[in-house]
Amino acid sequence: MKTHYMAIMVFCSLLAACTAAEPETLSPSEGGQDVPSVAEGMRVVDYSVAGGLHSKALGENLPANERISSLKYLLYDSAGKLEKERDIPGIGSTTVWPLTRENMSWEQREALKDTLSQSRSYTAVFIANTDPSLFGLDGSSDEQSVLHSYDDFGSACLSLPPVAFGDNNMFYLSIGKIQPGDEDVTRCDVLLERIVSRTDISRINPDIEYSGADNDGAWGAYLESLVENSLYPSAKGDENSGIFGSIMEFMEGFATDFSNRAVIIMPEDPSYISFASAMRDAAVSEKVLAAVQQQILDRYLQACSGIGQLRDRMQTWKDATVSFNLGNPASGFMIEDMAPRTVQGYSFDMKYVADGNGTVSVAGFGDDTGVFNTLSGISVSSQGRTVSFNVPAGFTFWQGMNRKNTVECNPLASLGFNSTDLTEAFTVQVNMTEILSSLSGWKQEFGAVFDDIIPGPDYSGSLEQFSFSIRIPACSEDNVIGYASLK
């Protein structure tokens, strides 16, 4: 286990990264103080506030009195047993920061000093915003508190509250070691550092509305792009699968029908044999696929337009209720280890209301290991509809401690199929004369052979307006799946 300790005179802070909050500092006054008389072998430990810098919390550059609403002092002996507990009075929205000895109240001066043995070592802990009332709790039981099991330093932990953090109630922490010393007065700096991280998450293109008849144009353009760039490529397949495989199979049969009839109509000219072989080449099927691609795209676009759950995915997040499903959520923060944990018995509801811009700001205990807070799914309730969807695996909701992360969610980044083996018959039309006459070995005489075999078992029309049936992955509500993305 890891503990952050201070020297006799100075507390160490939790080091922040990226957009970390600046620390709030408790330090001795510059002015002289009368040294109190103490019993032999004892000393006065003087914790006093010398002013802290602003930091970014849920708001931007908020002053300390809007962020620090309560302050608790815990003192542990060398064995980690709690010796003293004290709530510093007068901490709130009217507190004047920086809080120096000159502007402290008498009650605050008394609370921010202690009489301790010179020969013993201690661990001093200051935690901001553990007052249960800040979260609608009454502190009457463990379930009604956010600070738990703190009789022992090794088991002391914080839990995420049952309501969302706000500007004025995120947790700040300072841990320091007081070493033995023979001075009468030990003065200490206390650096409070925020220990929760913040993630801002919003839907892609938050100002574009896709729901409702008035927005059919925006939704149609978005869906068309999805069909062309993700659904169709996943349906295309190769020589042995998907749409291309079905066209290859058809051309094999069509070439065989041609060859079987040509041997009867023009037995004296064996060139039909090599031409039939050329018809079976994958390059010919590629030309056929290119000629019918738009017809397949139109079919898929029409089908997807009728799948309402796809459009629901893109409903607005503005003022919506957004819920997040976390795997192995870090419901607690172990104070001695300075690290998040999943603590049995402490749970929290990851349900929030987005602001008018469609952004959800969520604070919690983050880490760099990727073990905790893995996001698996999101639910959005807006305009009388609730839609839920999974997100890519491996995304950590809060990355690191005391960081701000901005995430863009695309609820419908791409489309695919549950199974490309589930197919439907689809009839396409192509100018086969244009394709076949471009092949080496084409002869005008072959036209009579084709006229003789058309219509066939699964094709009709004429060589110029040639209709035939292929199998394509079924574009049904049960078989089309949407994929979300996070970045």
Protein backbone atom coordinates (compact mmCIF):
# COMPACT_ATOMS: atom_id res chain seq x y z
CA MET A 1 0.00 0.00 0.00
CA LYS A 2 1.10 3.54 -0.73
CA THR A 3 0.79 6.54 1.54
CA HIS A 4 1.66 10.17 0.78
CA TYR A 5 3.50 11.65 3.72
CA MET A 6 4.64 15.11 4.70
CA ALA A 7 7.77 16.34 6.37
CA ILE A 8 7.38 17.91 9.81
CA MET A 9 6.71 21.35 8.41
CA VAL A 10 4.91 20.67 5.13
CA PHE A 11 2.15 18.39 3.88
CA CYS A 12 2.60 16.83 0.49
CA SER A 13 -0.27 17.16 -1.95
CA LEU A 14 -1.76 14.74 -4.38
CA LEU A 15 -0.07 15.58 -7.64
CA ALA A 16 -2.56 16.52 -10.33
CA ALA A 17 -2.31 15.98 -14.05
CA CYS A 18 -3.76 17.60 -17.18
CA THR A 19 -6.57 19.90 -16.04
CA ALA A 20 -6.13 19.05 -12.38
CA ALA A 21 -7.44 21.31 -9.70
CA GLU A 22 -4.99 23.59 -7.99
CA PRO A 23 -4.55 22.81 -4.29
CA GLU A 24 -6.07 24.67 -1.41
CA THR A 25 -3.33 25.53 1.08
CA LEU A 26 -3.40 25.51 4.84
CA SER A 27 -0.18 27.14 6.10
CA PRO A 28 1.11 29.10 9.07
CA SER A 29 0.59 32.82 9.37
CA GLU A 30 3.42 35.14 8.49
CA GLY A 31 2.77 37.14 11.64
CA GLY A 32 4.28 36.13 14.96
CA GLN A 33 2.22 34.14 17.42
CA ASP A 34 2.66 33.76 21.12
CA VAL A 35 4.00 30.28 21.76
CA PRO A 36 1.54 28.56 24.10
CA SER A 37 2.87 26.88 27.19
CA VAL A 38 2.64 23.09 27.08
CA ALA A 39 3.59 20.27 29.42
CA GLU A 40 7.05 18.81 29.18
CA GLY A 41 7.33 16.28 26.35
CA MET A 42 4.40 17.82 24.50
CA ARG A 43 4.20 20.26 21.58
CA VAL A 44 1.58 22.31 19.77
CA VAL A 45 0.94 21.34 16.17
CA ASP A 46 -0.43 24.37 14.39
CA TYR A 47 -2.41 23.83 11.21
CA SER A 48 -3.43 27.16 9.72
CA VAL A 49 -4.73 28.39 6.39
CA ALA A 50 -2.57 30.69 4.30
CA GLY A 51 -4.73 30.78 1.21
CA GLY A 52 -5.40 28.58 -1.75
CA LEU A 53 -5.48 29.14 -5.48
CA HIS A 54 -8.55 28.81 -7.64
CA SER A 55 -9.17 25.58 -9.52
CA LYS A 56 -11.43 24.12 -12.13
CA ALA A 57 -14.18 21.99 -10.64
CA LEU A 58 -17.50 21.38 -12.36
CA GLY A 59 -17.47 25.10 -13.08
CA GLU A 60 -14.50 27.07 -14.32
CA ASN A 61 -12.12 28.87 -11.95
CA LEU A 62 -14.48 28.88 -9.01
CA PRO A 63 -13.27 30.51 -5.79
CA ALA A 64 -12.54 28.29 -2.82
CA ASN A 65 -15.63 29.32 -0.87
CA GLU A 66 -17.78 27.91 -3.70
CA ARG A 67 -15.91 24.59 -3.66
CA ILE A 68 -15.06 23.89 -0.02
CA SER A 69 -18.19 23.49 2.10
CA SER A 70 -16.88 21.50 5.06
CA LEU A 71 -13.52 20.36 6.43
CA LYS A 72 -12.83 17.38 8.67
CA TYR A 73 -9.64 16.71 10.65
CA LEU A 74 -8.60 13.16 11.57
CA LEU A 75 -5.50 12.26 13.59
CA TYR A 76 -4.09 8.73 13.63
CA ASP A 77 -1.36 7.25 15.82
CA SER A 78 1.60 5.30 14.44
CA ALA A 79 -0.46 2.10 14.48
CA GLY A 80 -3.16 3.71 12.34
CA LYS A 81 -5.73 4.03 15.12
CA LEU A 82 -7.90 7.12 15.24
CA GLU A 83 -6.99 9.38 18.15
CA LYS A 84 -8.86 12.57 17.32
CA GLU A 85 -11.66 13.71 15.05
CA ARG A 86 -12.76 17.27 14.53
CA ASP A 87 -14.95 19.27 12.15
CA ILE A 88 -13.44 22.66 11.44
CA PRO A 89 -16.17 25.24 12.10
CA GLY A 90 -17.24 28.08 9.85
CA ILE A 91 -16.28 26.52 6.51
CA GLY A 92 -18.79 27.40 3.82
CA SER A 93 -19.94 29.89 1.24
CA THR A 94 -19.11 32.87 3.46
CA THR A 95 -15.60 31.73 4.36
CA VAL A 96 -12.97 34.27 3.39
CA TRP A 97 -10.15 32.65 1.43
CA PRO A 98 -7.24 32.70 1.83
CA LEU A 99 -7.91 31.94 5.48
CA THR A 100 -5.02 33.35 7.50
CA ARG A 101 -4.50 33.55 11.24
CA GLU A 102 -5.38 37.20 10.99
CA ASN A 103 -8.89 36.58 9.63
CA MET A 104 -9.71 33.22 11.21
CA SER A 105 -12.42 33.06 13.80
CA TRP A 106 -11.39 32.11 17.32
CA GLU A 107 -13.19 28.75 16.88
CA GLN A 108 -11.23 28.03 13.72
CA ARG A 109 -7.91 28.88 15.39
CA GLU A 110 -8.69 26.47 18.22
CA ALA A 111 -9.79 23.73 15.82
CA LEU A 112 -6.69 24.08 13.65
CA LYS A 113 -4.17 23.32 16.37
CA ASP A 114 -3.48 20.28 18.48
CA THR A 115 -1.34 19.29 21.46
CA LEU A 116 0.64 16.14 20.72
CA SER A 117 3.55 14.16 22.14
CA GLN A 118 7.03 15.12 20.94
CA SER A 119 8.16 11.51 20.95
CA ARG A 120 5.41 9.98 18.88
CA SER A 121 4.59 10.05 15.18
CA TYR A 122 1.16 10.73 13.79
CA THR A 123 -0.74 10.84 10.54
CA ALA A 124 -2.93 13.88 10.03
CA VAL A 125 -5.75 13.75 7.49
CA PHE A 126 -7.87 16.65 6.25
CA ILE A 127 -10.89 15.88 4.06
CA ALA A 128 -13.14 18.48 2.51
CA ASN A 129 -16.85 18.05 1.82
CA THR A 130 -17.69 14.95 3.83
CA ASP A 131 -20.66 16.62 5.53
CA PRO A 132 -23.55 14.21 4.78
CA SER A 133 -26.03 17.06 4.37
CA LEU A 134 -24.19 18.14 1.22
CA PHE A 135 -25.62 15.02 -0.43
CA GLY A 136 -29.05 14.84 1.14
CA LEU A 137 -27.88 12.40 3.83
CA ASP A 138 -28.36 12.72 7.58
CA GLY A 139 -25.24 10.91 8.85
CA SER A 140 -27.30 8.73 11.20
CA SER A 141 -25.79 5.49 9.86
CA ASP A 142 -23.05 4.20 7.63
CA GLU A 143 -25.50 4.17 4.72
CA GLN A 144 -26.28 7.83 5.41
CA SER A 145 -22.61 8.88 5.27
CA VAL A 146 -19.85 9.26 2.71
CA LEU A 147 -16.91 8.68 5.10
CA HIS A 148 -16.66 5.14 6.42
CA SER A 149 -14.63 2.85 8.70
CA TYR A 150 -12.28 5.66 9.66
CA ASP A 151 -11.51 4.37 13.16
CA ASP A 152 -8.59 2.67 11.44
CA PHE A 153 -6.45 4.47 8.87
CA GLY A 154 -6.04 1.34 6.74
CA SER A 155 -9.78 0.83 6.35
CA ALA A 156 -10.90 4.45 6.09
CA CYS A 157 -12.65 5.13 2.81
CA LEU A 158 -14.91 7.54 1.01
CA SER A 159 -17.91 6.44 -1.03
CA LEU A 160 -19.54 8.10 -3.97
CA PRO A 161 -22.70 9.88 -2.84
CA PRO A 162 -26.19 8.86 -3.99
CA VAL A 163 -26.54 12.12 -5.91
CA ALA A 164 -24.38 13.79 -8.53
CA PHE A 165 -21.47 15.92 -7.37
CA GLY A 166 -21.82 19.65 -7.72
CA ASP A 167 -19.45 22.58 -7.62
CA ASN A 168 -19.56 22.78 -3.83
CA ASN A 169 -19.20 19.19 -2.67
CA MET A 170 -16.44 17.29 -4.46
CA PHE A 171 -13.93 15.56 -2.22
CA TYR A 172 -10.53 17.12 -1.43
CA LEU A 173 -7.89 15.36 0.61
CA SER A 174 -4.54 15.93 2.30
CA ILE A 175 -2.53 13.29 4.18
CA GLY A 176 0.60 14.12 6.13
CA LYS A 177 3.06 12.43 8.48
CA ILE A 178 4.09 14.26 11.66
CA GLN A 179 7.47 12.92 12.80
CA PRO A 180 8.81 13.01 16.39
CA GLY A 181 10.55 16.29 17.27
CA ASP A 182 11.67 18.31 20.32
CA GLU A 183 10.27 21.70 19.24
CA ASP A 184 7.50 23.30 21.26
CA VAL A 185 5.50 24.31 18.19
CA THR A 186 5.28 22.48 14.86
CA ARG A 187 3.70 24.48 12.09
CA CYS A 188 2.24 22.58 9.11
CA ASP A 189 1.00 23.38 5.65
CA VAL A 190 -2.04 21.45 4.51
CA LEU A 191 -2.52 21.13 0.76
CA LEU A 192 -6.03 20.03 -0.17
CA GLU A 193 -6.19 18.36 -3.56
CA ARG A 194 -9.30 17.22 -5.34
CA ILE A 195 -9.46 13.41 -5.59
CA VAL A 196 -12.41 12.98 -7.93
CA SER A 197 -12.22 13.25 -11.69
CA ARG A 198 -14.73 14.70 -14.09
CA THR A 199 -15.93 13.42 -17.44
CA ASP A 200 -18.01 15.57 -19.78
CA ILE A 201 -19.83 13.42 -22.33
CA SER A 202 -22.15 14.58 -25.10
CA ARG A 203 -23.77 13.21 -28.25
CA ILE A 204 -22.09 13.88 -31.58
CA ASN A 205 -23.52 16.92 -33.40
CA PRO A 206 -25.49 18.02 -30.31
CA ASP A 207 -27.18 20.89 -32.15
CA ILE A 208 -28.56 18.73 -34.96
CA GLU A 209 -32.03 17.28 -34.39
CA TYR A 210 -32.75 13.93 -36.03
CA SER A 211 -36.15 13.15 -34.47
CA GLY A 212 -39.53 14.30 -35.78
CA ALA A 213 -40.95 14.83 -39.25
CA ASP A 214 -39.38 18.28 -39.50
CA ASN A 215 -35.95 16.65 -39.41
CA ASP A 216 -36.47 13.87 -41.95
CA GLY A 217 -33.89 15.50 -44.23
CA ALA A 218 -31.14 15.49 -41.60
CA TRP A 219 -31.92 11.94 -40.55
CA GLY A 220 -32.12 10.71 -44.16
CA ALA A 221 -28.71 12.15 -45.01
CA TYR A 222 -27.15 10.69 -41.87
CA LEU A 223 -28.68 7.26 -42.47
CA GLU A 224 -27.65 7.25 -46.12
CA SER A 225 -24.06 7.80 -45.09
CA LEU A 226 -24.25 4.94 -42.58
CA VAL A 227 -25.71 2.55 -45.16
CA GLU A 228 -23.10 3.43 -47.78
CA ASN A 229 -20.06 3.50 -45.50
CA SER A 230 -20.75 0.70 -43.03
CA LEU A 231 -23.80 -1.49 -43.74
CA TYR A 232 -23.11 -2.13 -47.41
CA PRO A 233 -19.38 -2.88 -46.91
CA SER A 234 -20.28 -5.43 -44.23
CA ALA A 235 -22.75 -7.04 -46.67
CA LYS A 236 -20.46 -7.07 -49.70
CA GLY A 237 -18.46 -10.15 -48.70
CA ASP A 238 -15.95 -11.91 -50.93
CA GLU A 239 -15.92 -14.61 -53.62
CA ASN A 240 -17.44 -17.11 -51.22
CA SER A 241 -19.75 -14.98 -49.10
CA GLY A 242 -22.12 -12.03 -49.01
CA ILE A 243 -23.42 -10.15 -52.02
CA PHE A 244 -20.29 -10.66 -54.09
CA GLY A 245 -20.32 -14.39 -53.41
CA SER A 246 -23.96 -14.56 -54.54
CA ILE A 247 -23.14 -12.74 -57.79
CA MET A 248 -20.18 -15.08 -58.39
CA GLU A 249 -22.51 -18.04 -57.87
CA PHE A 250 -25.07 -16.60 -60.30
CA MET A 251 -22.46 -15.89 -62.98
CA GLU A 252 -21.20 -19.45 -62.66
CA GLY A 253 -24.69 -20.78 -63.43
CA PHE A 254 -25.32 -18.19 -66.15
CA ALA A 255 -22.04 -19.11 -67.87
CA THR A 256 -22.95 -22.79 -67.68
CA ASP A 257 -26.37 -22.12 -69.25
CA PHE A 258 -24.65 -20.16 -72.04
CA SER A 259 -22.09 -22.90 -72.67
CA ASN A 260 -24.69 -25.68 -72.72
CA ARG A 261 -26.77 -23.80 -75.29
CA ALA A 262 -23.82 -22.61 -77.41
CA VAL A 263 -22.63 -26.14 -78.01
CA ILE A 264 -25.96 -26.82 -79.69
CA ILE A 265 -26.33 -23.53 -81.63
CA MET A 266 -22.70 -23.07 -82.76
CA PRO A 267 -20.92 -26.43 -82.35
CA GLU A 268 -18.45 -25.60 -85.11
CA ASP A 269 -17.06 -22.57 -83.15
CA PRO A 270 -15.41 -23.64 -79.86
CA SER A 271 -14.64 -20.02 -78.88
CA TYR A 272 -17.74 -20.10 -76.69
CA ILE A 273 -15.81 -22.34 -74.29
CA SER A 274 -13.18 -19.70 -73.43
CA PHE A 275 -15.85 -17.00 -73.33
CA ALA A 276 -17.90 -18.96 -70.82
CA SER A 277 -14.75 -19.31 -68.75
CA ALA A 278 -14.20 -15.55 -68.91
CA MET A 279 -17.77 -14.97 -67.68
CA ARG A 280 -16.86 -16.86 -64.52
CA ASP A 281 -13.93 -14.57 -63.72
CA ALA A 282 -14.18 -12.52 -60.50
CA ALA A 283 -13.45 -9.33 -62.45
CA VAL A 284 -16.74 -9.77 -64.34
CA SER A 285 -18.65 -10.22 -61.10
CA GLU A 286 -16.99 -7.03 -59.84
CA LYS A 287 -18.40 -5.16 -62.85
CA VAL A 288 -21.84 -6.63 -62.23
CA LEU A 289 -21.68 -5.66 -58.56
CA ALA A 290 -20.67 -2.11 -59.43
CA ALA A 291 -23.62 -1.87 -61.82
CA VAL A 292 -26.18 -3.03 -59.22
CA GLN A 293 -24.63 -1.43 -56.11
CA GLN A 294 -26.93 1.59 -56.06
CA GLN A 295 -29.98 -0.66 -56.28
CA ILE A 296 -28.80 -2.55 -53.21
CA LEU A 297 -28.00 0.70 -51.37
CA ASP A 298 -31.52 1.96 -52.12
CA ARG A 299 -32.99 -1.30 -50.84
CA TYR A 300 -31.00 -1.10 -47.60
CA LEU A 301 -31.76 2.60 -47.10
CA GLN A 302 -35.47 1.97 -47.53
CA ALA A 303 -35.39 -0.94 -45.10
CA CYS A 304 -33.35 0.92 -42.47
CA SER A 305 -35.67 3.91 -42.69
CA GLY A 306 -38.38 1.65 -41.35
CA ILE A 307 -36.36 0.53 -38.32
CA GLY A 308 -37.42 3.09 -35.73
CA GLN A 309 -34.91 2.04 -33.10
CA LEU A 310 -32.06 3.28 -35.29
CA ARG A 311 -33.47 6.79 -35.43
CA ASP A 312 -34.24 6.70 -31.72
CA ARG A 313 -30.54 6.18 -31.08
CA MET A 314 -29.88 9.71 -32.33
CA GLN A 315 -32.49 11.49 -30.22
CA THR A 316 -31.34 14.68 -28.55
CA TRP A 317 -29.43 14.64 -25.28
CA LYS A 318 -30.48 18.18 -24.41
CA ASP A 319 -32.15 18.06 -20.97
CA ALA A 320 -32.35 14.26 -21.32
CA THR A 321 -31.86 11.73 -18.52
CA VAL A 322 -28.71 9.76 -19.30
CA SER A 323 -27.68 6.59 -17.46
CA PHE A 324 -24.32 4.83 -17.66
CA ASN A 325 -23.63 1.15 -17.05
CA LEU A 326 -20.23 0.64 -15.44
CA GLY A 327 -18.37 -2.62 -15.00
CA ASN A 328 -16.41 -2.93 -11.75
CA PRO A 329 -17.38 0.58 -10.61
CA ALA A 330 -15.03 2.33 -8.17
CA SER A 331 -17.64 2.97 -5.51
CA GLY A 332 -15.03 3.80 -2.87
CA PHE A 333 -11.71 5.54 -2.36
CA MET A 334 -9.25 4.09 0.16
CA ILE A 335 -7.70 7.01 1.99
CA GLU A 336 -4.41 5.39 3.03
CA ASP A 337 -3.77 3.90 -0.43
CA MET A 338 -4.93 7.06 -2.20
CA ALA A 339 -6.65 4.78 -4.72
CA PRO A 340 -10.15 3.83 -5.85
CA ARG A 341 -11.70 0.52 -4.95
CA THR A 342 -14.92 -1.37 -5.49
CA VAL A 343 -16.21 -1.45 -1.93
CA GLN A 344 -18.90 -3.97 -1.09
CA GLY A 345 -22.05 -2.40 0.25
CA TYR A 346 -21.46 1.01 -1.31
CA SER A 347 -23.22 1.60 -4.61
CA PHE A 348 -24.19 4.65 -6.60
CA ASP A 349 -26.71 5.46 -9.31
CA MET A 350 -25.11 6.56 -12.57
CA LYS A 351 -28.16 8.51 -13.73
CA TYR A 352 -27.82 12.19 -14.63
CA VAL A 353 -29.66 14.98 -16.42
CA ALA A 354 -27.83 16.58 -19.34
CA ASP A 355 -27.70 20.34 -19.57
CA GLY A 356 -29.38 22.46 -22.23
CA ASN A 357 -26.41 21.91 -24.54
CA GLY A 358 -26.68 18.14 -24.31
CA THR A 359 -23.62 17.63 -22.10
CA VAL A 360 -23.54 15.36 -19.06
CA SER A 361 -20.89 16.21 -16.46
CA VAL A 362 -20.11 13.32 -14.12
CA ALA A 363 -17.56 13.20 -11.30
CA GLY A 364 -16.22 10.05 -9.65
CA PHE A 365 -13.15 8.15 -8.49
CA GLY A 366 -10.79 7.57 -11.41
CA ASP A 367 -7.54 5.66 -11.89
CA ASP A 368 -4.95 4.88 -14.55
CA THR A 369 -5.11 1.09 -14.39
CA GLY A 370 -8.16 0.51 -16.56
CA VAL A 371 -9.46 -1.93 -13.94
CA PHE A 372 -12.33 0.21 -12.68
CA ASN A 373 -15.23 2.10 -14.23
CA THR A 374 -15.33 0.37 -17.61
CA LEU A 375 -18.30 1.74 -19.51
CA SER A 376 -20.44 -0.95 -21.18
CA GLY A 377 -23.67 0.81 -22.09
CA ILE A 378 -25.67 4.03 -22.14
CA SER A 379 -29.41 4.71 -21.82
CA VAL A 380 -31.00 7.99 -22.90
CA SER A 381 -34.53 9.05 -21.97
CA SER A 382 -35.87 12.04 -23.87
CA GLN A 383 -39.15 13.16 -25.38
CA GLY A 384 -41.00 10.17 -23.99
CA ARG A 385 -38.60 7.58 -25.43
CA THR A 386 -35.85 5.55 -23.80
CA VAL A 387 -33.16 3.94 -25.90
CA SER A 388 -30.25 1.83 -24.66
CA PHE A 389 -27.12 0.81 -26.51
CA ASN A 390 -23.77 -0.81 -25.87
CA VAL A 391 -20.46 0.97 -26.33
CA PRO A 392 -17.06 -0.39 -27.42
CA ALA A 393 -15.28 -2.43 -24.77
CA GLY A 394 -12.31 -1.07 -22.88
CA PHE A 395 -13.42 2.52 -22.31
CA THR A 396 -12.63 3.80 -18.80
CA PHE A 397 -15.14 6.40 -17.69
CA TRP A 398 -12.83 8.33 -15.35
CA GLN A 399 -9.21 8.19 -16.48
CA GLY A 400 -6.84 9.02 -13.66
CA MET A 401 -7.29 11.03 -10.49
CA ASN A 402 -8.19 14.71 -10.47
CA ARG A 403 -8.54 14.97 -14.24
CA LYS A 404 -11.06 16.40 -16.63
CA ASN A 405 -11.93 14.28 -19.66
CA THR A 406 -14.12 15.29 -22.59
CA VAL A 407 -15.84 12.50 -24.51
CA GLU A 408 -17.94 12.58 -27.67
CA CYS A 409 -20.43 9.74 -28.03
CA ASN A 410 -21.83 8.71 -31.37
CA PRO A 411 -24.79 6.46 -30.49
CA LEU A 412 -25.00 5.26 -34.09
CA ALA A 413 -21.52 5.41 -35.57
CA SER A 414 -21.92 2.43 -37.90
CA LEU A 415 -24.30 -0.32 -38.96
CA GLY A 416 -23.77 -4.04 -39.40
CA PHE A 417 -25.55 -7.38 -39.39
CA ASN A 418 -26.09 -9.83 -36.60
CA SER A 419 -25.56 -12.50 -39.24
CA THR A 420 -24.68 -12.18 -42.92
CA ASP A 421 -25.85 -15.78 -43.32
CA LEU A 422 -29.45 -14.66 -42.82
CA THR A 423 -30.34 -13.61 -46.37
CA GLU A 424 -33.24 -12.47 -48.53
CA ALA A 425 -33.82 -12.73 -52.27
CA PHE A 426 -33.36 -9.48 -54.17
CA THR A 427 -33.89 -8.86 -57.86
CA VAL A 428 -31.56 -6.46 -59.66
CA GLN A 429 -31.36 -5.22 -63.26
CA VAL A 430 -28.26 -4.59 -65.30
CA ASN A 431 -27.21 -3.98 -68.91
CA MET A 432 -25.44 -7.31 -69.34
CA THR A 433 -24.65 -6.57 -73.00
CA GLU A 434 -22.46 -3.67 -71.91
CA ILE A 435 -20.54 -5.85 -69.46
CA LEU A 436 -20.16 -8.99 -71.62
CA SER A 437 -19.33 -7.16 -74.85
CA SER A 438 -16.35 -5.56 -73.10
CA LEU A 439 -14.75 -8.97 -72.56
CA SER A 440 -12.01 -10.31 -74.79
CA GLY A 441 -13.45 -12.92 -77.11
CA TRP A 442 -16.94 -11.43 -77.39
CA LYS A 443 -18.67 -12.18 -80.68
CA GLN A 444 -21.91 -10.80 -82.06
CA GLU A 445 -22.97 -14.40 -82.66
CA PHE A 446 -23.12 -14.96 -78.90
CA GLY A 447 -26.11 -12.62 -78.78
CA ALA A 448 -28.30 -15.25 -80.42
CA VAL A 449 -27.26 -17.77 -77.75
CA PHE A 450 -28.20 -15.43 -74.93
CA ASP A 451 -31.50 -14.56 -76.61
CA ASP A 452 -32.25 -18.25 -76.74
CA ILE A 453 -31.61 -18.91 -73.01
CA ILE A 454 -33.39 -15.79 -71.69
CA PRO A 455 -35.58 -16.11 -69.69
CA GLY A 456 -33.86 -18.65 -67.52
CA PRO A 457 -34.55 -20.25 -64.13
CA ASP A 458 -33.69 -17.09 -62.11
CA TYR A 459 -33.23 -14.37 -64.76
CA SER A 460 -35.46 -12.62 -67.26
CA GLY A 461 -35.84 -9.64 -69.63
CA SER A 462 -33.21 -9.18 -72.30
CA LEU A 463 -29.45 -8.95 -72.27
CA GLU A 464 -29.76 -5.14 -72.34
CA GLN A 465 -32.34 -5.09 -69.53
CA PHE A 466 -31.25 -8.17 -67.68
CA SER A 467 -33.03 -8.96 -64.41
CA PHE A 468 -31.74 -11.65 -62.07
CA SER A 469 -32.10 -12.67 -58.45
CA ILE A 470 -29.31 -12.79 -55.87
CA ARG A 471 -29.17 -13.35 -52.11
CA ILE A 472 -28.23 -10.39 -49.91
CA PRO A 473 -27.89 -10.21 -46.08
CA ALA A 474 -31.39 -9.59 -44.76
CA CYS A 475 -32.02 -5.97 -43.77
CA SER A 476 -34.59 -6.66 -41.05
CA GLU A 477 -35.02 -5.13 -37.62
CA ASP A 478 -33.79 -8.34 -36.02
CA ASN A 479 -30.71 -8.59 -38.22
CA VAL A 480 -29.46 -4.99 -38.47
CA ILE A 481 -27.37 -3.80 -35.54
CA GLY A 482 -26.06 -0.36 -34.70
CA TYR A 483 -22.65 0.31 -33.16
CA ALA A 484 -21.76 3.27 -30.98
CA SER A 485 -18.39 4.96 -30.69
CA LEU A 486 -16.61 7.03 -28.06
CA LYS A 487 -13.74 9.41 -28.63
